[in-house]
Amino acid sequence: MKKIIFCLFSILVTGTMAHGGDGPFGLEMGMSLEEVTTVLGEAPTPYPQVGEKTLPHGYKVCAAKTPPELESFILTITPKTGLCEIYLRTGNFSKMPADMNSPDPRDVYPKLVDMVSSNYGDPVKGAEIPEGEDLFEGEPLDLSTVWKPGKNGIESITLGWVPTSEAGSNMNILYVFNNRAMAIEEYRQKDFLSDIEKEVKP
């Protein structure tokens, strides 16, 4: 009887992991690298680069399961704490104003806001993108939208964009789980600072 119960439990757990959980993209706080691999159906690539920084606890995965605007999909997974951050980034936009063949980031930003809000409700802090072509006049804009979901183990979600009239700007979405403080403490024990916190500011 115990063997039957154990087998049923194993099937239930394996089935749940294969389809993922209720967190973003089926990923849950504290998941191990092996569990993430099972949910996503691919082995994440270690040590991705963001700018000139190599992330020692970062793993890059295919962004095929995310909206087409998102190009980079990086996870922070530590040996003890597990998954603590999910970082997404769009590809680089052409210079503004956008030409006919390039996506207008002023259209992409609200689309990403709607994507997050559809799962986690209204943001606690919004951003208003100026209309017209005077977007880059005066002080540089640093736009950000913030959510505090209070569910799925997520501490905060931040969408950020620093517009520029030159080619190369992009948007970031950072999902921070409630266990990130534990991960940072784990880093400090090995003389590391938080990868995404230090190098990627949405």
C-alpha atoms as a PDB file:
ATOM      1  CA  MET A   1       0.000   0.000   0.000  1.00  0.00           C
ATOM      2  CA  LYS A   2       2.835   2.369   0.897  1.00  0.00           C
ATOM      3  CA  LYS A   3       4.482   1.646  -2.455  1.00  0.00           C
ATOM      4  CA  ILE A   4       1.264   2.516  -4.301  1.00  0.00           C
ATOM      5  CA  ILE A   5       0.905   5.820  -2.379  1.00  0.00           C
ATOM      6  CA  PHE A   6       4.557   6.677  -3.038  1.00  0.00           C
ATOM      7  CA  CYS A   7       4.175   5.959  -6.765  1.00  0.00           C
ATOM      8  CA  LEU A   8       1.050   8.118  -6.987  1.00  0.00           C
ATOM      9  CA  PHE A   9       2.849  10.925  -5.155  1.00  0.00           C
ATOM     10  CA  SER A  10       5.821  10.685  -7.540  1.00  0.00           C
ATOM     11  CA  ILE A  11       3.550  10.819 -10.582  1.00  0.00           C
ATOM     12  CA  LEU A  12       1.690  13.816  -9.162  1.00  0.00           C
ATOM     13  CA  VAL A  13       4.889  15.744  -8.402  1.00  0.00           C
ATOM     14  CA  THR A  14       6.488  14.889 -11.754  1.00  0.00           C
ATOM     15  CA  GLY A  15       3.346  15.928 -13.634  1.00  0.00           C
ATOM     16  CA  THR A  16       3.123  19.194 -11.728  1.00  0.00           C
ATOM     17  CA  MET A  17       6.777  20.040 -12.360  1.00  0.00           C
ATOM     18  CA  ALA A  18       6.554  19.217 -16.068  1.00  0.00           C
ATOM     19  CA  HIS A  19       3.719  21.705 -16.535  1.00  0.00           C
ATOM     20  CA  GLY A  20       5.182  24.290 -14.169  1.00  0.00           C
ATOM     21  CA  GLY A  21       3.586  26.193 -11.332  1.00  0.00           C
ATOM     22  CA  ASP A  22       1.544  29.366 -11.001  1.00  0.00           C
ATOM     23  CA  GLY A  23       4.526  31.735 -11.055  1.00  0.00           C
ATOM     24  CA  PRO A  24       5.753  33.710 -14.081  1.00  0.00           C
ATOM     25  CA  PHE A  25       6.306  31.409 -17.079  1.00  0.00           C
ATOM     26  CA  GLY A  26       5.532  28.446 -14.812  1.00  0.00           C
ATOM     27  CA  LEU A  27       8.543  29.167 -12.600  1.00  0.00           C
ATOM     28  CA  GLU A  28       8.352  29.275  -8.808  1.00  0.00           C
ATOM     29  CA  MET A  29      10.469  30.859  -6.094  1.00  0.00           C
ATOM     30  CA  GLY A  30      13.310  28.637  -4.927  1.00  0.00           C
ATOM     31  CA  MET A  31      13.265  26.227  -7.870  1.00  0.00           C
ATOM     32  CA  SER A  32      16.524  24.406  -8.468  1.00  0.00           C
ATOM     33  CA  LEU A  33      18.305  24.421 -11.822  1.00  0.00           C
ATOM     34  CA  GLU A  34      17.018  20.889 -12.431  1.00  0.00           C
ATOM     35  CA  GLU A  35      13.411  21.909 -11.708  1.00  0.00           C
ATOM     36  CA  VAL A  36      13.686  24.952 -13.993  1.00  0.00           C
ATOM     37  CA  THR A  37      15.060  22.723 -16.751  1.00  0.00           C
ATOM     38  CA  THR A  38      12.084  20.375 -16.381  1.00  0.00           C
ATOM     39  CA  VAL A  39       9.522  23.194 -16.550  1.00  0.00           C
ATOM     40  CA  LEU A  40      11.090  25.038 -19.485  1.00  0.00           C
ATOM     41  CA  GLY A  41      12.055  21.896 -21.387  1.00  0.00           C
ATOM     42  CA  GLU A  42      15.606  23.096 -21.976  1.00  0.00           C
ATOM     43  CA  ALA A  43      18.869  23.304 -20.063  1.00  0.00           C
ATOM     44  CA  PRO A  44      19.664  26.953 -19.258  1.00  0.00           C
ATOM     45  CA  THR A  45      23.085  28.203 -20.352  1.00  0.00           C
ATOM     46  CA  PRO A  46      25.262  29.289 -17.399  1.00  0.00           C
ATOM     47  CA  TYR A  47      27.303  32.482 -17.041  1.00  0.00           C
ATOM     48  CA  PRO A  48      25.395  34.804 -19.390  1.00  0.00           C
ATOM     49  CA  GLN A  49      26.697  38.295 -20.018  1.00  0.00           C
ATOM     50  CA  VAL A  50      24.823  41.543 -19.419  1.00  0.00           C
ATOM     51  CA  GLY A  51      26.894  44.327 -20.911  1.00  0.00           C
ATOM     52  CA  GLU A  52      30.466  43.578 -19.855  1.00  0.00           C
ATOM     53  CA  LYS A  53      29.441  41.683 -16.712  1.00  0.00           C
ATOM     54  CA  THR A  54      29.380  37.887 -16.514  1.00  0.00           C
ATOM     55  CA  LEU A  55      26.731  36.707 -14.056  1.00  0.00           C
ATOM     56  CA  PRO A  56      28.181  33.912 -11.879  1.00  0.00           C
ATOM     57  CA  HIS A  57      24.744  32.680 -10.774  1.00  0.00           C
ATOM     58  CA  GLY A  58      22.917  33.652 -13.974  1.00  0.00           C
ATOM     59  CA  TYR A  59      21.387  31.297 -16.526  1.00  0.00           C
ATOM     60  CA  LYS A  60      20.121  32.266 -19.952  1.00  0.00           C
ATOM     61  CA  VAL A  61      17.188  30.458 -21.535  1.00  0.00           C
ATOM     62  CA  CYS A  62      15.366  30.713 -24.845  1.00  0.00           C
ATOM     63  CA  ALA A  63      12.798  33.505 -24.864  1.00  0.00           C
ATOM     64  CA  ALA A  64      10.491  31.633 -27.233  1.00  0.00           C
ATOM     65  CA  LYS A  65       7.820  31.275 -24.528  1.00  0.00           C
ATOM     66  CA  THR A  66       7.657  35.037 -23.981  1.00  0.00           C
ATOM     67  CA  PRO A  67       6.168  37.813 -26.178  1.00  0.00           C
ATOM     68  CA  PRO A  68       8.197  38.453 -29.352  1.00  0.00           C
ATOM     69  CA  GLU A  69       9.328  41.864 -28.069  1.00  0.00           C
ATOM     70  CA  LEU A  70      11.418  40.136 -25.386  1.00  0.00           C
ATOM     71  CA  GLU A  71      14.817  38.928 -26.533  1.00  0.00           C
ATOM     72  CA  SER A  72      16.745  38.021 -23.366  1.00  0.00           C
ATOM     73  CA  PHE A  73      15.504  35.715 -20.597  1.00  0.00           C
ATOM     74  CA  ILE A  74      17.931  35.394 -17.671  1.00  0.00           C
ATOM     75  CA  LEU A  75      17.382  33.615 -14.354  1.00  0.00           C
ATOM     76  CA  THR A  76      19.346  34.034 -11.129  1.00  0.00           C
ATOM     77  CA  ILE A  77      19.626  30.662  -9.375  1.00  0.00           C
ATOM     78  CA  THR A  78      21.912  30.127  -6.386  1.00  0.00           C
ATOM     79  CA  PRO A  79      22.943  26.693  -5.078  1.00  0.00           C
ATOM     80  CA  LYS A  80      21.154  27.019  -1.709  1.00  0.00           C
ATOM     81  CA  THR A  81      18.371  29.559  -2.275  1.00  0.00           C
ATOM     82  CA  GLY A  82      17.377  28.507  -5.777  1.00  0.00           C
ATOM     83  CA  LEU A  83      15.522  30.743  -8.242  1.00  0.00           C
ATOM     84  CA  CYS A  84      15.294  34.306  -6.891  1.00  0.00           C
ATOM     85  CA  GLU A  85      15.091  36.595  -9.956  1.00  0.00           C
ATOM     86  CA  ILE A  86      13.813  36.556 -13.513  1.00  0.00           C
ATOM     87  CA  TYR A  87      15.180  39.210 -15.858  1.00  0.00           C
ATOM     88  CA  LEU A  88      13.709  39.915 -19.288  1.00  0.00           C
ATOM     89  CA  ARG A  89      14.930  42.430 -21.841  1.00  0.00           C
ATOM     90  CA  THR A  90      13.700  43.605 -25.219  1.00  0.00           C
ATOM     91  CA  GLY A  91      15.951  43.837 -28.217  1.00  0.00           C
ATOM     92  CA  ASN A  92      17.528  47.210 -28.955  1.00  0.00           C
ATOM     93  CA  PHE A  93      15.233  49.769 -30.538  1.00  0.00           C
ATOM     94  CA  SER A  94      16.300  51.862 -33.496  1.00  0.00           C
ATOM     95  CA  LYS A  95      16.756  55.555 -32.866  1.00  0.00           C
ATOM     96  CA  MET A  96      13.694  57.682 -32.233  1.00  0.00           C
ATOM     97  CA  PRO A  97      11.420  58.638 -33.789  1.00  0.00           C
ATOM     98  CA  ALA A  98      10.884  55.080 -35.029  1.00  0.00           C
ATOM     99  CA  ASP A  99      10.847  54.468 -38.768  1.00  0.00           C
ATOM    100  CA  MET A 100       8.197  52.503 -40.640  1.00  0.00           C
ATOM    101  CA  ASN A 101      10.102  49.196 -40.336  1.00  0.00           C
ATOM    102  CA  SER A 102      10.864  49.358 -36.599  1.00  0.00           C
ATOM    103  CA  PRO A 103       8.594  48.882 -33.589  1.00  0.00           C
ATOM    104  CA  ASP A 104       7.790  52.091 -31.777  1.00  0.00           C
ATOM    105  CA  PRO A 105       8.876  51.668 -28.126  1.00  0.00           C
ATOM    106  CA  ARG A 106       6.023  53.985 -27.117  1.00  0.00           C
ATOM    107  CA  ASP A 107       3.671  51.239 -28.310  1.00  0.00           C
ATOM    108  CA  VAL A 108       5.735  48.392 -26.845  1.00  0.00           C
ATOM    109  CA  TYR A 109       5.857  49.844 -23.313  1.00  0.00           C
ATOM    110  CA  PRO A 110       2.069  49.836 -22.672  1.00  0.00           C
ATOM    111  CA  LYS A 111       1.839  46.397 -24.270  1.00  0.00           C
ATOM    112  CA  LEU A 112       4.322  45.048 -21.698  1.00  0.00           C
ATOM    113  CA  VAL A 113       2.424  46.837 -18.916  1.00  0.00           C
ATOM    114  CA  ASP A 114      -0.762  45.078 -20.017  1.00  0.00           C
ATOM    115  CA  MET A 115       1.059  41.735 -20.155  1.00  0.00           C
ATOM    116  CA  VAL A 116       2.155  41.982 -16.513  1.00  0.00           C
ATOM    117  CA  SER A 117      -1.079  43.581 -15.280  1.00  0.00           C
ATOM    118  CA  SER A 118      -3.189  40.795 -16.797  1.00  0.00           C
ATOM    119  CA  ASN A 119      -1.526  38.382 -14.363  1.00  0.00           C
ATOM    120  CA  TYR A 120      -0.716  40.559 -11.343  1.00  0.00           C
ATOM    121  CA  GLY A 121      -3.227  43.388 -11.288  1.00  0.00           C
ATOM    122  CA  ASP A 122      -2.722  47.132 -11.499  1.00  0.00           C
ATOM    123  CA  PRO A 123       0.730  48.561 -10.774  1.00  0.00           C
ATOM    124  CA  VAL A 124       1.416  50.539  -7.602  1.00  0.00           C
ATOM    125  CA  LYS A 125       3.527  52.979  -9.630  1.00  0.00           C
ATOM    126  CA  GLY A 126       2.909  53.863 -13.244  1.00  0.00           C
ATOM    127  CA  ALA A 127       4.742  55.785 -15.957  1.00  0.00           C
ATOM    128  CA  GLU A 128       3.302  58.310 -18.364  1.00  0.00           C
ATOM    129  CA  ILE A 129       5.042  58.459 -21.715  1.00  0.00           C
ATOM    130  CA  PRO A 130       4.932  61.961 -23.242  1.00  0.00           C
ATOM    131  CA  GLU A 131       3.215  62.231 -26.585  1.00  0.00           C
ATOM    132  CA  GLY A 132       4.597  63.878 -29.701  1.00  0.00           C
ATOM    133  CA  GLU A 133       8.189  64.121 -30.861  1.00  0.00           C
ATOM    134  CA  ASP A 134       9.439  66.155 -27.861  1.00  0.00           C
ATOM    135  CA  LEU A 135      10.071  62.959 -25.908  1.00  0.00           C
ATOM    136  CA  PHE A 136      13.780  63.673 -25.637  1.00  0.00           C
ATOM    137  CA  GLU A 137      13.721  67.395 -24.941  1.00  0.00           C
ATOM    138  CA  GLY A 138      14.703  68.631 -21.497  1.00  0.00           C
ATOM    139  CA  GLU A 139      15.790  66.281 -18.710  1.00  0.00           C
ATOM    140  CA  PRO A 140      16.319  62.606 -19.690  1.00  0.00           C
ATOM    141  CA  LEU A 141      13.366  60.384 -18.857  1.00  0.00           C
ATOM    142  CA  ASP A 142      13.736  57.312 -16.662  1.00  0.00           C
ATOM    143  CA  LEU A 143      10.405  55.536 -16.935  1.00  0.00           C
ATOM    144  CA  SER A 144       9.406  52.681 -14.632  1.00  0.00           C
ATOM    145  CA  THR A 145       6.248  50.809 -13.687  1.00  0.00           C
ATOM    146  CA  VAL A 146       6.165  48.766 -10.481  1.00  0.00           C
ATOM    147  CA  TRP A 147       3.888  45.968  -9.241  1.00  0.00           C
ATOM    148  CA  LYS A 148       3.670  44.456  -5.743  1.00  0.00           C
ATOM    149  CA  PRO A 149       1.714  41.271  -6.470  1.00  0.00           C
ATOM    150  CA  GLY A 150       1.697  39.740  -2.982  1.00  0.00           C
ATOM    151  CA  LYS A 151       1.301  36.260  -4.494  1.00  0.00           C
ATOM    152  CA  ASN A 152       3.307  33.431  -6.052  1.00  0.00           C
ATOM    153  CA  GLY A 153       6.229  34.388  -3.802  1.00  0.00           C
ATOM    154  CA  ILE A 154       6.877  37.547  -5.829  1.00  0.00           C
ATOM    155  CA  GLU A 155       8.115  40.597  -3.939  1.00  0.00           C
ATOM    156  CA  SER A 156       8.048  43.032  -6.850  1.00  0.00           C
ATOM    157  CA  ILE A 157       8.004  43.373 -10.631  1.00  0.00           C
ATOM    158  CA  THR A 158       9.611  46.372 -12.327  1.00  0.00           C
ATOM    159  CA  LEU A 159       9.369  47.415 -15.967  1.00  0.00           C
ATOM    160  CA  GLY A 160      11.885  50.078 -16.913  1.00  0.00           C
ATOM    161  CA  TRP A 161      12.916  52.100 -19.944  1.00  0.00           C
ATOM    162  CA  VAL A 162      15.364  54.980 -20.356  1.00  0.00           C
ATOM    163  CA  PRO A 163      14.398  56.552 -23.711  1.00  0.00           C
ATOM    164  CA  THR A 164      17.127  57.882 -25.963  1.00  0.00           C
ATOM    165  CA  SER A 165      17.167  59.517 -29.359  1.00  0.00           C
ATOM    166  CA  GLU A 166      20.048  57.237 -30.344  1.00  0.00           C
ATOM    167  CA  ALA A 167      19.761  53.609 -31.387  1.00  0.00           C
ATOM    168  CA  GLY A 168      20.272  51.010 -28.679  1.00  0.00           C
ATOM    169  CA  SER A 169      17.736  51.663 -25.916  1.00  0.00           C
ATOM    170  CA  ASN A 170      15.837  48.703 -24.515  1.00  0.00           C
ATOM    171  CA  MET A 171      13.261  47.814 -21.865  1.00  0.00           C
ATOM    172  CA  ASN A 172      13.772  45.547 -18.868  1.00  0.00           C
ATOM    173  CA  ILE A 173      11.355  43.551 -16.737  1.00  0.00           C
ATOM    174  CA  LEU A 174      12.696  42.263 -13.412  1.00  0.00           C
ATOM    175  CA  TYR A 175      10.720  39.768 -11.308  1.00  0.00           C
ATOM    176  CA  VAL A 176      12.086  39.670  -7.750  1.00  0.00           C
ATOM    177  CA  PHE A 177      11.066  36.791  -5.486  1.00  0.00           C
ATOM    178  CA  ASN A 178      10.752  37.015  -1.707  1.00  0.00           C
ATOM    179  CA  ASN A 179      13.891  34.931  -1.240  1.00  0.00           C
ATOM    180  CA  ARG A 180      16.285  37.377  -2.909  1.00  0.00           C
ATOM    181  CA  ALA A 181      17.531  38.706   0.444  1.00  0.00           C
ATOM    182  CA  MET A 182      18.566  35.145   1.315  1.00  0.00           C
ATOM    183  CA  ALA A 183      20.318  34.841  -2.048  1.00  0.00           C
ATOM    184  CA  ILE A 184      22.190  38.119  -1.493  1.00  0.00           C
ATOM    185  CA  GLU A 185      23.373  36.829   1.872  1.00  0.00           C
ATOM    186  CA  GLU A 186      24.482  33.655   0.130  1.00  0.00           C
ATOM    187  CA  TYR A 187      26.444  35.793  -2.366  1.00  0.00           C
ATOM    188  CA  ARG A 188      28.130  37.739   0.436  1.00  0.00           C
ATOM    189  CA  GLN A 189      29.357  34.535   1.976  1.00  0.00           C
ATOM    190  CA  LYS A 190      31.254  34.023  -1.279  1.00  0.00           C
ATOM    191  CA  ASP A 191      32.173  37.702  -1.751  1.00  0.00           C
ATOM    192  CA  PHE A 192      29.502  38.194  -4.433  1.00  0.00           C
ATOM    193  CA  LEU A 193      26.927  40.958  -4.736  1.00  0.00           C
ATOM    194  CA  SER A 194      23.550  40.377  -6.352  1.00  0.00           C
ATOM    195  CA  ASP A 195      24.117  39.957 -10.093  1.00  0.00           C
ATOM    196  CA  ILE A 196      20.989  41.600 -11.396  1.00  0.00           C
ATOM    197  CA  GLU A 197      20.670  44.095  -8.532  1.00  0.00           C
ATOM    198  CA  LYS A 198      24.176  45.435  -9.193  1.00  0.00           C
ATOM    199  CA  GLU A 199      24.421  45.263 -12.960  1.00  0.00           C
ATOM    200  CA  VAL A 200      20.869  45.484 -14.299  1.00  0.00           C
ATOM    201  CA  LYS A 201      18.774  48.425 -13.239  1.00  0.00           C
ATOM    202  CA  PRO A 202      15.415  48.476 -15.025  1.00  0.00           C
END
